[in-house]
Amino acid sequence: MGINKNALSIFALGGINEIGKNMYVIQYGDDIVIIDCGGKFPDESLLGIDLIIPDITYLEENRDKIRALVVTHGHEDHIGGIPYFLKKLNVPIYATHFTLGLIELKLDEHRLKRDTKLVTIDADSKLEFGEIGASFFKVSHSIPDCLGIVFHTPEGNVVHTGDFKFDLTPANHQYADIHKMADIGQNGVLALISESTNAERKGLTPSEQMVGGHLDEAFMKAEGKVIVSTFASNVSRVQQVVDSALKTNRKLALLGRSMVNVVSVALERGYLNVPEGMLIEPRDVESLDSGKVAILCTGSQGEPNAALARLSTGNYRDAAIYPGDTVILAASPIPGNEKDVSRIIDNLFQLGANVIYGSGSTTGMHVSGHGYQEDLKLMLTLMKPTYFIPIHGEYRMLHHHRLLAESVGVETGNTFIIKNGDVVDIENSVARQTRKVPSGETYVDGISVGDVGAIVLRDRKQLSEDGMLVIVLTLSKDEGQIISGPDTITRGFVFVKDSEDLIKEVNLLVKKTVDSLQEENIRQWNVMKQSIKKSIGQYLFTRTKRKPMILPIIIEI
């Protein structure tokens, strides 16, 4: 069903009922503006998948209407899908100075920078995209240069908050422009699109300033090396680690590609202040007195190939953790990562390290970049929207955000808890949600994008759980008789030397199956393969209660 040209349409292609792969769309008539294009890392069920990005089928079908991709900030769940998006839809990208620096790193890696139009914006920018205008306001978050967006349409103003909290003493001195937000609300907000990550948590988000004092204390108490693991993108936290190292006269080494990349962008663009001579190469760590060294590394979420995981197992080439070293996890585990983080913490204790870990509220080493309930209520109060669309959260978070909205004056029934692909159409100031556009997930596997689907993932799961059998059979072309074989090769199913009787039974059953087909004068390969798979599969399940993948290979000579 097409969009009414006189209606304003709002929908998400990612970021609803999930935390990750954010992508939102504002459309009025023949003008489309996209907000963010993120990626999401797969869970353990998506074997071999590197990244999940939004399905952009609808945008490809309407490519001539797309005017811009506007990016609110530089976190991976907001920019991670951009290179893959640009390979299909080359549209201008509008983002702040720091955010563009991170985007350019990705475009360089994918060799797309030269062909992409990148436009720097700030809180004072005003843009026109056909019948959709855009202006901006500053918000506080855990990465520099974050913006909220006001879309000016013939139907009214639509506000997208981006990710935010209200930090009145931000460590990077990038203050949220509360006065401007109040002015936007006074001028009328038709619809507010606001993030919901911490909608379940009561109170106000603590200030980033709190972390600095706790880091100073830990650095001063430490006798050996200090290793701090945090999100590379949290430049404020990186600056606090630099400041603590400076106060305790320590040199600083950076471990992990993303940490090195983000710090280089932050230094180059003036968002990070590191004294000359403080940074050292990882290879120099072991040559210095351990009490004079600090390490800033990736891996706070338990990523198996990140620097902290490799340090915890003694597999990092240039540096090692010794008894008496202090390791600080300056980030709380994202839900789903707890097991991997726990494994690394155990390894660190086995190495004799003093490990500071746990929730930020316990250790003081981390505060969230996302607003708690009082932050969310303040945003709603400032904007005073007629309609409200909670985003960026799982369903329970969206539900709690709706209750918060109603508690500060949004009319019951004017909140739309939608799913990816659900369209909210607003015409003559009346909002309805009655239709959908195509949406879903696209999997990135190596250099392949979208080639891996449910069937491939099912096969990978079967291989990972029960292994496989390859049955090689040579038949005569004229008579169809078995010339050699069957030879059975197993991988991940049973160890052949310990299961010779089982393999013999399998080979005998293959011969019986082929002979019975010959008696019925059935010579088609596909029928023979299916019959072998069926008979062997049933036999193996009866004997082992396992279902390995069975691959018959028939050769005719």
Protein backbone atom coordinates (compact mmCIF):
# COMPACT_ATOMS: atom_id res chain seq x y z
CA MET A 1 0.00 0.00 0.00
CA GLY A 2 1.48 3.37 -0.97
CA ILE A 3 1.99 6.34 1.28
CA ASN A 4 -0.53 9.15 0.99
CA LYS A 5 1.37 12.10 -0.46
CA ASN A 6 -0.31 14.45 2.00
CA ALA A 7 0.64 12.33 5.04
CA LEU A 8 3.69 12.37 7.24
CA SER A 9 5.01 8.85 7.80
CA ILE A 10 7.35 7.67 10.57
CA PHE A 11 8.76 4.16 10.86
CA ALA A 12 11.79 2.14 11.91
CA LEU A 13 13.75 -0.43 9.93
CA GLY A 14 15.81 -1.26 13.02
CA GLY A 15 16.01 -0.28 16.68
CA ILE A 16 12.55 -1.33 17.89
CA ASN A 17 12.25 -4.26 20.34
CA GLU A 18 16.04 -4.42 20.31
CA ILE A 19 19.15 -2.46 21.26
CA GLY A 20 21.17 -2.16 18.07
CA LYS A 21 21.07 -1.61 14.29
CA ASN A 22 19.17 1.65 14.64
CA MET A 23 17.56 3.04 11.48
CA TYR A 24 14.54 5.36 11.42
CA VAL A 25 12.73 6.95 8.49
CA ILE A 26 10.80 10.21 8.13
CA GLN A 27 8.81 10.54 4.89
CA TYR A 28 6.60 13.31 3.60
CA GLY A 29 5.34 12.86 0.05
CA ASP A 30 8.29 12.19 -2.22
CA ASP A 31 10.94 13.12 0.34
CA ILE A 32 12.64 10.57 2.61
CA VAL A 33 15.20 11.31 5.31
CA ILE A 34 16.93 8.43 7.11
CA ILE A 35 18.16 8.73 10.70
CA ASP A 36 21.17 6.56 11.60
CA CYS A 37 22.29 3.29 10.05
CA GLY A 38 23.61 0.98 12.73
CA GLY A 39 24.78 -2.57 13.08
CA LYS A 40 24.25 -5.16 15.79
CA PHE A 41 26.60 -7.92 16.82
CA PRO A 42 25.16 -11.44 16.59
CA ASP A 43 24.48 -13.75 19.51
CA GLU A 44 25.93 -17.26 19.70
CA SER A 45 23.01 -18.75 17.74
CA LEU A 46 24.05 -16.95 14.53
CA LEU A 47 27.07 -19.07 13.76
CA GLY A 48 29.68 -17.38 11.56
CA ILE A 49 27.75 -14.12 11.22
CA ASP A 50 29.90 -11.01 11.72
CA LEU A 51 27.28 -8.28 11.83
CA ILE A 52 23.52 -7.75 11.58
CA ILE A 53 22.24 -4.71 9.65
CA PRO A 54 18.72 -3.52 8.76
CA ASP A 55 16.85 -4.82 5.74
CA ILE A 56 16.64 -1.80 3.40
CA THR A 57 14.31 -3.30 0.77
CA TYR A 58 11.82 -0.43 1.16
CA LEU A 59 14.56 2.16 0.71
CA GLU A 60 15.92 0.41 -2.37
CA GLU A 61 12.44 0.44 -3.87
CA ASN A 62 12.19 4.19 -3.17
CA ARG A 63 15.79 5.20 -3.83
CA ASP A 64 14.82 8.26 -5.90
CA LYS A 65 13.02 9.79 -2.90
CA ILE A 66 15.91 9.53 -0.42
CA ARG A 67 17.38 12.95 0.31
CA ALA A 68 19.86 12.25 3.12
CA LEU A 69 21.16 10.03 5.88
CA VAL A 70 21.44 12.10 9.06
CA VAL A 71 23.52 10.56 11.88
CA THR A 72 22.87 11.48 15.52
CA HIS A 73 26.20 10.20 16.93
CA GLY A 74 29.08 7.82 16.34
CA HIS A 75 28.29 4.64 18.24
CA GLU A 76 28.43 1.36 16.32
CA ASP A 77 24.72 0.72 16.71
CA HIS A 78 24.14 3.99 14.83
CA ILE A 79 26.93 3.97 12.20
CA GLY A 80 28.01 0.31 11.89
CA GLY A 81 25.81 -0.43 8.87
CA ILE A 82 26.78 2.65 6.83
CA PRO A 83 29.39 1.03 4.52
CA TYR A 84 26.98 -1.76 3.54
CA PHE A 85 24.14 0.74 3.06
CA LEU A 86 26.28 2.95 0.80
CA LYS A 87 27.18 0.02 -1.43
CA LYS A 88 23.49 -0.16 -2.37
CA LEU A 89 22.34 3.44 -1.90
CA ASN A 90 24.86 6.22 -2.27
CA VAL A 91 23.20 9.15 -0.49
CA PRO A 92 24.70 12.23 1.24
CA ILE A 93 25.62 11.75 4.91
CA TYR A 94 25.17 14.56 7.44
CA ALA A 95 26.93 14.25 10.81
CA THR A 96 28.99 16.19 13.35
CA HIS A 97 32.76 16.68 13.13
CA PHE A 98 33.71 13.80 15.43
CA THR A 99 31.04 11.44 14.12
CA LEU A 100 32.22 12.00 10.54
CA GLY A 101 35.75 11.13 11.65
CA LEU A 102 34.55 7.70 12.81
CA ILE A 103 32.45 7.23 9.67
CA GLU A 104 35.46 8.10 7.48
CA LEU A 105 37.47 5.29 9.14
CA LYS A 106 34.82 2.83 7.99
CA LEU A 107 34.57 4.30 4.51
CA ASP A 108 38.37 4.14 4.10
CA GLU A 109 38.31 0.47 5.10
CA HIS A 110 35.62 -0.25 2.49
CA ARG A 111 37.16 2.12 -0.12
CA LEU A 112 34.02 4.25 -0.27
CA LYS A 113 35.21 7.61 1.00
CA ARG A 114 36.03 9.12 -2.38
CA ASP A 115 32.55 8.45 -3.77
CA THR A 116 30.54 9.56 -0.71
CA LYS A 117 29.28 13.06 0.01
CA LEU A 118 29.99 13.88 3.67
CA VAL A 119 28.56 17.08 5.17
CA THR A 120 29.58 18.41 8.59
CA ILE A 121 26.75 19.74 10.75
CA ASP A 122 26.41 21.14 14.28
CA ALA A 123 23.67 22.26 16.62
CA ASP A 124 23.20 25.51 14.67
CA SER A 125 22.80 23.88 11.24
CA LYS A 126 19.55 24.24 9.30
CA LEU A 127 18.91 21.95 6.34
CA GLU A 128 16.21 21.54 3.69
CA PHE A 129 15.36 18.17 2.15
CA GLY A 130 12.48 18.96 -0.19
CA GLU A 131 9.43 19.51 2.01
CA ILE A 132 11.28 18.32 5.13
CA GLY A 133 13.44 20.80 6.99
CA ALA A 134 15.87 19.85 9.78
CA SER A 135 17.41 21.71 12.71
CA PHE A 136 19.37 20.36 15.67
CA PHE A 137 20.03 20.59 19.41
CA LYS A 138 22.86 19.36 21.63
CA VAL A 139 22.37 16.34 23.90
CA SER A 140 24.72 14.66 26.39
CA HIS A 141 25.76 11.05 25.84
CA SER A 142 28.82 8.83 26.29
CA ILE A 143 30.50 9.96 23.07
CA PRO A 144 31.28 13.50 21.83
CA ASP A 145 29.21 15.58 19.42
CA CYS A 146 25.73 14.12 19.89
CA LEU A 147 22.64 15.76 18.42
CA GLY A 148 18.89 15.55 18.63
CA ILE A 149 16.99 16.45 15.45
CA VAL A 150 13.87 18.51 14.77
CA PHE A 151 12.17 17.71 11.47
CA HIS A 152 9.97 20.52 10.18
CA THR A 153 7.17 19.17 7.97
CA PRO A 154 3.89 20.59 6.63
CA GLU A 155 2.10 18.43 9.24
CA GLY A 156 4.16 19.73 12.15
CA ASN A 157 7.47 19.21 13.93
CA VAL A 158 8.85 15.76 14.66
CA VAL A 159 11.68 15.45 17.22
CA HIS A 160 14.17 12.57 17.32
CA THR A 161 16.17 12.75 20.57
CA GLY A 162 19.10 10.55 19.59
CA ASP A 163 20.68 8.77 22.58
CA PHE A 164 20.81 11.08 25.59
CA LYS A 165 20.93 11.71 29.29
CA PHE A 166 20.86 14.94 31.26
CA ASP A 167 24.36 15.30 32.72
CA LEU A 168 24.71 18.74 34.30
CA THR A 169 28.46 18.24 34.84
CA PRO A 170 29.64 16.31 31.76
CA ALA A 171 33.32 15.36 31.82
CA ASN A 172 33.79 16.65 28.27
CA HIS A 173 31.94 19.92 28.99
CA GLN A 174 29.49 19.26 26.15
CA TYR A 175 26.31 20.37 27.86
CA ALA A 176 22.80 19.48 26.74
CA ASP A 177 21.02 22.57 25.41
CA ILE A 178 18.03 22.46 27.74
CA HIS A 179 16.92 26.01 26.87
CA LYS A 180 16.76 25.15 23.16
CA MET A 181 14.78 22.01 23.94
CA ALA A 182 12.30 24.08 25.90
CA ASP A 183 11.94 26.49 22.96
CA ILE A 184 11.30 23.57 20.61
CA GLY A 185 8.57 22.36 22.95
CA GLN A 186 7.03 25.83 23.15
CA ASN A 187 6.84 25.96 19.35
CA GLY A 188 4.89 22.71 19.28
CA VAL A 189 5.98 19.11 18.80
CA LEU A 190 3.63 16.90 16.82
CA ALA A 191 5.54 13.68 17.55
CA LEU A 192 8.47 12.81 19.79
CA ILE A 193 10.68 9.83 18.95
CA SER A 194 12.75 9.08 22.06
CA GLU A 195 15.15 6.36 23.20
CA SER A 196 14.06 3.93 25.93
CA THR A 197 17.20 2.01 26.98
CA ASN A 198 16.99 2.82 30.69
CA ALA A 199 13.23 3.33 30.99
CA GLU A 200 13.13 0.68 33.75
CA ARG A 201 15.69 2.41 35.98
CA LYS A 202 14.46 4.92 38.53
CA GLY A 203 16.03 8.28 39.26
CA LEU A 204 18.52 10.36 37.29
CA THR A 205 21.58 9.01 35.48
CA PRO A 206 24.75 9.72 37.52
CA SER A 207 27.23 12.21 36.07
CA GLU A 208 30.33 11.07 34.21
CA GLN A 209 32.35 13.25 36.61
CA MET A 210 31.82 10.62 39.31
CA VAL A 211 34.04 8.14 37.46
CA GLY A 212 37.12 10.39 37.42
CA GLY A 213 37.54 10.40 41.20
CA HIS A 214 37.26 6.62 41.45
CA LEU A 215 39.82 6.16 38.67
CA ASP A 216 42.25 8.53 40.43
CA GLU A 217 41.90 6.54 43.66
CA ALA A 218 42.49 3.19 41.93
CA PHE A 219 45.55 4.50 40.07
CA MET A 220 47.08 5.87 43.27
CA LYS A 221 46.59 2.58 45.15
CA ALA A 222 47.94 0.41 42.34
CA GLU A 223 51.46 -0.96 42.77
CA GLY A 224 51.90 -2.71 39.43
CA LYS A 225 50.53 -1.90 35.99
CA VAL A 226 47.00 -0.52 35.66
CA ILE A 227 44.94 -1.98 32.82
CA VAL A 228 41.65 -0.21 32.07
CA SER A 229 39.15 -1.73 29.66
CA THR A 230 36.29 0.40 28.39
CA PHE A 231 34.33 1.26 25.26
CA ALA A 232 36.71 2.85 22.77
CA SER A 233 34.05 5.37 21.78
CA ASN A 234 33.71 6.74 25.33
CA VAL A 235 36.21 9.56 24.77
CA SER A 236 35.32 11.18 28.12
CA ARG A 237 36.33 7.96 29.89
CA VAL A 238 39.50 7.78 27.82
CA GLN A 239 40.34 11.35 28.86
CA GLN A 240 39.77 10.46 32.50
CA VAL A 241 42.18 7.51 32.19
CA VAL A 242 44.74 9.85 30.59
CA ASP A 243 44.29 12.32 33.45
CA SER A 244 44.69 9.61 36.11
CA ALA A 245 47.83 8.29 34.39
CA LEU A 246 49.23 11.82 34.31
CA LYS A 247 48.57 12.35 38.05
CA THR A 248 50.41 9.11 38.89
CA ASN A 249 53.26 9.70 36.43
CA ARG A 250 52.46 6.71 34.23
CA LYS A 251 53.01 6.18 30.53
CA LEU A 252 50.00 4.94 28.57
CA ALA A 253 49.78 2.20 25.93
CA LEU A 254 46.73 1.59 23.72
CA LEU A 255 45.74 -1.98 22.87
CA GLY A 256 43.06 -2.95 20.37
CA ARG A 257 42.41 -1.65 16.88
CA SER A 258 39.20 0.22 17.70
CA MET A 259 40.84 1.92 20.68
CA VAL A 260 43.77 3.07 18.54
CA ASN A 261 41.43 4.26 15.76
CA VAL A 262 39.05 6.22 18.00
CA VAL A 263 41.87 7.83 19.97
CA SER A 264 43.59 8.89 16.74
CA VAL A 265 40.37 10.51 15.48
CA ALA A 266 39.76 12.19 18.85
CA LEU A 267 43.32 13.55 18.96
CA GLU A 268 43.27 14.70 15.35
CA ARG A 269 39.94 16.50 15.75
CA GLY A 270 40.65 18.06 19.13
CA TYR A 271 38.37 15.99 21.39
CA LEU A 272 41.16 14.45 23.46
CA ASN A 273 44.12 16.01 25.24
CA VAL A 274 47.12 13.73 25.76
CA PRO A 275 50.45 15.24 26.91
CA GLU A 276 53.31 14.80 24.47
CA GLY A 277 55.41 11.76 25.28
CA MET A 278 52.75 9.99 27.38
CA LEU A 279 51.66 7.47 24.72
CA ILE A 280 54.00 4.54 24.22
CA GLU A 281 53.97 1.58 21.85
CA PRO A 282 52.66 -1.75 23.24
CA ARG A 283 56.08 -3.32 22.62
CA ASP A 284 57.62 -0.88 25.15
CA VAL A 285 55.34 -1.91 28.04
CA GLU A 286 57.51 -4.75 29.32
CA SER A 287 60.70 -2.66 29.28
CA LEU A 288 59.36 -0.10 31.79
CA ASP A 289 58.82 -0.31 35.54
CA SER A 290 55.31 -1.76 36.00
CA GLY A 291 54.45 1.02 38.46
CA LYS A 292 55.01 3.56 35.72
CA VAL A 293 52.75 2.03 33.06
CA ALA A 294 49.04 2.05 32.32
CA ILE A 295 47.22 0.23 29.52
CA LEU A 296 43.94 1.30 27.94
CA CYS A 297 42.36 -1.54 26.00
CA THR A 298 39.24 -2.89 24.34
CA GLY A 299 37.34 -5.98 25.46
CA SER A 300 35.12 -4.82 28.33
CA GLN A 301 32.24 -6.89 26.89
CA GLY A 302 34.18 -10.16 26.83
CA GLU A 303 34.83 -10.18 23.09
CA PRO A 304 37.04 -13.26 22.54
CA ASN A 305 39.48 -11.59 20.13
CA ALA A 306 39.70 -8.25 21.91
CA ALA A 307 42.81 -7.15 23.79
CA LEU A 308 41.57 -7.87 27.32
CA ALA A 309 40.57 -11.45 26.48
CA ARG A 310 44.00 -12.10 24.97
CA LEU A 311 45.74 -10.51 27.96
CA SER A 312 43.69 -12.69 30.32
CA THR A 313 44.93 -15.86 28.61
CA GLY A 314 48.52 -14.71 28.19
CA ASN A 315 48.20 -14.57 24.43
CA TYR A 316 48.97 -10.90 23.81
CA ARG A 317 52.34 -10.63 22.12
CA ASP A 318 53.57 -7.30 23.49
CA ALA A 319 52.20 -7.19 27.05
CA ALA A 320 51.30 -9.48 29.93
CA ILE A 321 49.47 -9.32 33.25
CA TYR A 322 51.46 -10.27 36.36
CA PRO A 323 50.50 -10.78 40.03
CA GLY A 324 49.89 -7.40 41.61
CA ASP A 325 48.70 -5.66 38.44
CA THR A 326 45.34 -3.89 38.65
CA VAL A 327 42.66 -4.48 36.02
CA ILE A 328 39.65 -2.14 35.90
CA LEU A 329 36.55 -2.97 33.87
CA ALA A 330 35.16 0.53 33.33
CA ALA A 331 31.94 -0.63 31.66
CA SER A 332 28.96 -2.72 32.72
CA PRO A 333 28.27 -5.88 30.71
CA ILE A 334 25.59 -5.49 28.07
CA PRO A 335 22.82 -8.09 28.68
CA GLY A 336 23.91 -11.33 27.03
CA ASN A 337 27.64 -10.72 27.51
CA GLU A 338 27.80 -11.64 31.22
CA LYS A 339 29.13 -15.17 30.68
CA ASP A 340 32.02 -14.04 28.47
CA VAL A 341 32.93 -11.23 30.86
CA SER A 342 32.85 -13.62 33.84
CA ARG A 343 35.21 -16.00 32.06
CA ILE A 344 37.74 -13.21 31.50
CA ILE A 345 37.47 -12.04 35.13
CA ASP A 346 38.19 -15.59 36.32
CA ASN A 347 41.25 -15.75 34.07
CA LEU A 348 42.50 -12.43 35.42
CA PHE A 349 42.21 -13.60 39.02
CA GLN A 350 44.12 -16.76 38.12
CA LEU A 351 46.93 -14.53 36.84
CA GLY A 352 47.06 -12.88 40.28
CA ALA A 353 45.61 -9.54 39.20
CA ASN A 354 43.60 -7.21 41.41
CA VAL A 355 40.37 -6.94 39.43
CA ILE A 356 37.84 -4.12 39.88
CA TYR A 357 34.62 -5.25 38.24
CA GLY A 358 30.86 -5.28 38.63
CA SER A 359 28.07 -2.79 38.06
CA GLY A 360 29.02 0.84 37.75
CA SER A 361 26.97 1.76 40.81
CA THR A 362 29.06 -0.71 42.87
CA THR A 363 32.55 0.16 41.66
CA GLY A 364 32.04 3.78 40.59
CA MET A 365 33.97 2.98 37.41
CA HIS A 366 31.08 3.38 34.99
CA VAL A 367 27.94 5.40 34.48
CA SER A 368 25.42 4.89 31.72
CA GLY A 369 25.17 7.20 28.74
CA HIS A 370 21.42 6.63 28.57
CA GLY A 371 18.85 8.52 30.60
CA TYR A 372 17.04 6.95 33.55
CA GLN A 373 13.34 7.54 34.19
CA GLU A 374 13.71 11.11 35.44
CA ASP A 375 15.84 12.03 32.39
CA LEU A 376 13.20 10.59 30.08
CA LYS A 377 10.42 12.41 31.90
CA LEU A 378 12.34 15.69 31.65
CA MET A 379 12.70 15.27 27.87
CA LEU A 380 8.97 14.55 27.56
CA THR A 381 8.14 17.56 29.74
CA LEU A 382 10.36 19.88 27.69
CA MET A 383 8.97 18.70 24.35
CA LYS A 384 5.27 18.33 25.31
CA PRO A 385 4.49 16.15 22.25
CA THR A 386 1.02 15.38 20.96
CA TYR A 387 2.12 11.89 19.88
CA PHE A 388 4.91 9.76 21.29
CA ILE A 389 6.90 6.90 19.72
CA PRO A 390 9.36 5.16 22.10
CA ILE A 391 12.33 3.55 20.33
CA HIS A 392 15.74 1.98 20.99
CA GLY A 393 14.77 -0.68 23.48
CA GLU A 394 13.19 -4.06 24.04
CA TYR A 395 9.41 -4.27 24.41
CA ARG A 396 9.34 -3.97 28.21
CA MET A 397 11.44 -0.79 27.99
CA LEU A 398 9.07 0.73 25.41
CA HIS A 399 6.16 -0.18 27.67
CA HIS A 400 7.71 1.53 30.70
CA HIS A 401 8.52 4.57 28.58
CA ARG A 402 4.87 4.81 27.54
CA LEU A 403 3.83 4.83 31.20
CA LEU A 404 6.34 7.60 31.90
CA ALA A 405 4.93 9.62 28.99
CA GLU A 406 1.38 9.27 30.26
CA SER A 407 2.52 10.26 33.76
CA VAL A 408 3.74 13.65 32.48
CA GLY A 409 0.77 14.49 30.30
CA VAL A 410 0.84 12.59 27.00
CA GLU A 411 -2.73 11.50 26.36
CA THR A 412 -3.53 7.82 26.74
CA GLY A 413 -3.80 6.34 23.25
CA ASN A 414 -1.35 8.84 21.74
CA THR A 415 1.68 6.59 22.29
CA PHE A 416 2.57 4.13 19.53
CA ILE A 417 4.60 1.10 20.55
CA ILE A 418 5.53 -0.20 17.13
CA LYS A 419 7.67 -2.93 15.63
CA ASN A 420 10.27 -2.58 12.91
CA GLY A 421 8.35 -1.94 9.69
CA ASP A 422 5.19 -0.59 11.35
CA VAL A 423 4.29 2.80 9.87
CA VAL A 424 2.75 5.65 11.86
CA ASP A 425 0.94 7.90 9.36
CA ILE A 426 -0.07 11.41 10.47
CA GLU A 427 -2.54 13.28 8.29
CA ASN A 428 -4.42 16.43 9.32
CA SER A 429 -2.86 16.04 12.79
CA VAL A 430 -4.43 12.59 13.26
CA ALA A 431 -2.02 9.65 13.73
CA ARG A 432 -2.78 6.05 12.78
CA GLN A 433 -0.79 2.84 12.60
CA THR A 434 -2.47 0.57 10.06
CA ARG A 435 0.21 -0.69 7.68
CA LYS A 436 3.73 -2.02 7.34
CA VAL A 437 6.73 -1.75 5.03
CA PRO A 438 9.25 -4.58 4.46
CA SER A 439 11.70 -4.93 7.36
CA GLY A 440 13.95 -7.52 8.90
CA GLU A 441 17.59 -8.40 9.36
CA THR A 442 20.40 -8.72 6.86
CA TYR A 443 23.43 -10.79 7.84
CA VAL A 444 27.02 -9.85 7.04
CA ASP A 445 29.33 -12.85 6.75
CA GLY A 446 32.85 -11.91 5.66
CA ILE A 447 32.46 -9.94 2.44
CA SER A 448 29.05 -11.49 1.80
CA VAL A 449 26.00 -9.34 2.62
CA GLY A 450 22.54 -10.90 2.64
CA ASP A 451 23.63 -14.24 1.16
CA VAL A 452 23.31 -16.12 4.44
CA GLY A 453 19.72 -16.90 5.37
CA ALA A 454 17.73 -19.21 7.62
CA ILE A 455 18.60 -22.40 5.69
CA VAL A 456 22.37 -21.77 5.83
CA LEU A 457 22.18 -20.92 9.52
CA ARG A 458 20.15 -24.07 10.17
CA ASP A 459 22.83 -26.16 8.43
CA ARG A 460 25.57 -24.46 10.45
CA LYS A 461 23.69 -25.18 13.66
CA GLN A 462 23.27 -28.83 12.71
CA LEU A 463 26.97 -29.11 11.86
CA SER A 464 27.97 -27.47 15.15
CA GLU A 465 25.74 -29.77 17.21
CA ASP A 466 25.94 -33.19 15.54
CA GLY A 467 28.69 -33.00 12.92
CA MET A 468 28.54 -34.52 9.47
CA LEU A 469 28.99 -37.71 7.46
CA VAL A 470 30.22 -37.73 3.88
CA ILE A 471 29.41 -40.96 2.03
CA VAL A 472 31.36 -41.43 -1.22
CA LEU A 473 30.08 -44.01 -3.68
CA THR A 474 31.36 -44.94 -7.18
CA LEU A 475 28.89 -46.52 -9.64
CA SER A 476 29.33 -47.93 -13.12
CA LYS A 477 27.69 -45.68 -15.69
CA ASP A 478 26.23 -48.52 -17.75
CA GLU A 479 24.99 -51.03 -15.17
CA GLY A 480 24.60 -48.73 -12.19
CA GLN A 481 26.45 -51.24 -10.00
CA ILE A 482 28.72 -50.23 -7.10
CA ILE A 483 32.34 -50.27 -8.27
CA SER A 484 33.93 -48.96 -5.08
CA GLY A 485 32.82 -47.79 -1.70
CA PRO A 486 30.87 -46.74 0.04
CA ASP A 487 33.54 -44.84 1.97
CA THR A 488 32.26 -42.91 4.96
CA ILE A 489 34.11 -39.86 6.27
CA THR A 490 32.93 -38.24 9.53
CA ARG A 491 33.69 -34.83 11.00
CA GLY A 492 32.37 -33.83 14.42
CA PHE A 493 30.11 -36.91 14.70
CA VAL A 494 32.15 -39.85 15.95
CA PHE A 495 35.85 -40.72 16.12
CA VAL A 496 36.26 -43.35 13.41
CA LYS A 497 38.81 -45.55 15.23
CA ASP A 498 36.43 -45.85 18.20
CA SER A 499 33.35 -46.46 16.03
CA GLU A 500 34.46 -48.89 13.36
CA ASP A 501 31.43 -51.17 13.86
CA LEU A 502 29.03 -48.23 13.45
CA ILE A 503 30.74 -47.12 10.24
CA LYS A 504 30.63 -50.68 8.86
CA GLU A 505 26.87 -50.82 9.55
CA VAL A 506 26.43 -47.49 7.79
CA ASN A 507 28.32 -48.75 4.73
CA LEU A 508 26.27 -51.96 4.64
CA LEU A 509 23.05 -50.00 4.86
CA VAL A 510 24.15 -47.75 1.99
CA LYS A 511 24.80 -50.84 -0.17
CA LYS A 512 21.39 -52.28 0.69
CA THR A 513 19.69 -48.99 -0.15
CA VAL A 514 21.46 -48.70 -3.52
CA ASP A 515 20.78 -52.37 -4.37
CA SER A 516 17.06 -52.01 -3.62
CA LEU A 517 16.90 -48.92 -5.86
CA GLN A 518 18.65 -50.84 -8.63
CA GLU A 519 16.06 -53.63 -8.36
CA GLU A 520 13.34 -51.02 -8.85
CA ASN A 521 15.32 -49.63 -11.81
CA ILE A 522 15.69 -46.23 -10.13
CA ARG A 523 18.87 -44.53 -11.40
CA GLN A 524 18.27 -40.81 -10.75
CA TRP A 525 20.99 -39.32 -8.56
CA ASN A 526 18.71 -37.05 -6.57
CA VAL A 527 16.42 -39.96 -5.66
CA MET A 528 19.40 -42.11 -4.66
CA LYS A 529 20.87 -39.34 -2.50
CA GLN A 530 17.57 -38.68 -0.74
CA SER A 531 17.06 -42.40 -0.08
CA ILE A 532 20.57 -42.76 1.35
CA LYS A 533 20.12 -39.69 3.56
CA LYS A 534 16.77 -40.95 4.84
CA SER A 535 17.82 -44.53 5.61
CA ILE A 536 21.18 -43.54 7.18
CA GLY A 537 19.61 -40.70 9.13
CA GLN A 538 16.97 -42.95 10.66
CA TYR A 539 19.55 -45.60 11.52
CA LEU A 540 21.98 -43.16 13.16
CA PHE A 541 19.26 -41.51 15.22
CA THR A 542 18.13 -44.92 16.46
CA ARG A 543 21.70 -45.85 17.41
CA THR A 544 23.05 -42.51 18.69
CA LYS A 545 20.07 -40.15 19.17
CA ARG A 546 21.99 -37.66 17.01
CA LYS A 547 21.21 -36.13 13.63
CA PRO A 548 24.43 -35.39 11.77
CA MET A 549 24.35 -33.75 8.36
CA ILE A 550 24.63 -36.50 5.73
CA LEU A 551 26.20 -35.69 2.37
CA PRO A 552 26.10 -38.54 -0.19
CA ILE A 553 28.55 -38.06 -3.10
CA ILE A 554 27.89 -40.32 -6.10
CA ILE A 555 30.50 -40.68 -8.86
CA GLU A 556 29.74 -42.43 -12.14
CA ILE A 557 32.50 -43.93 -14.28
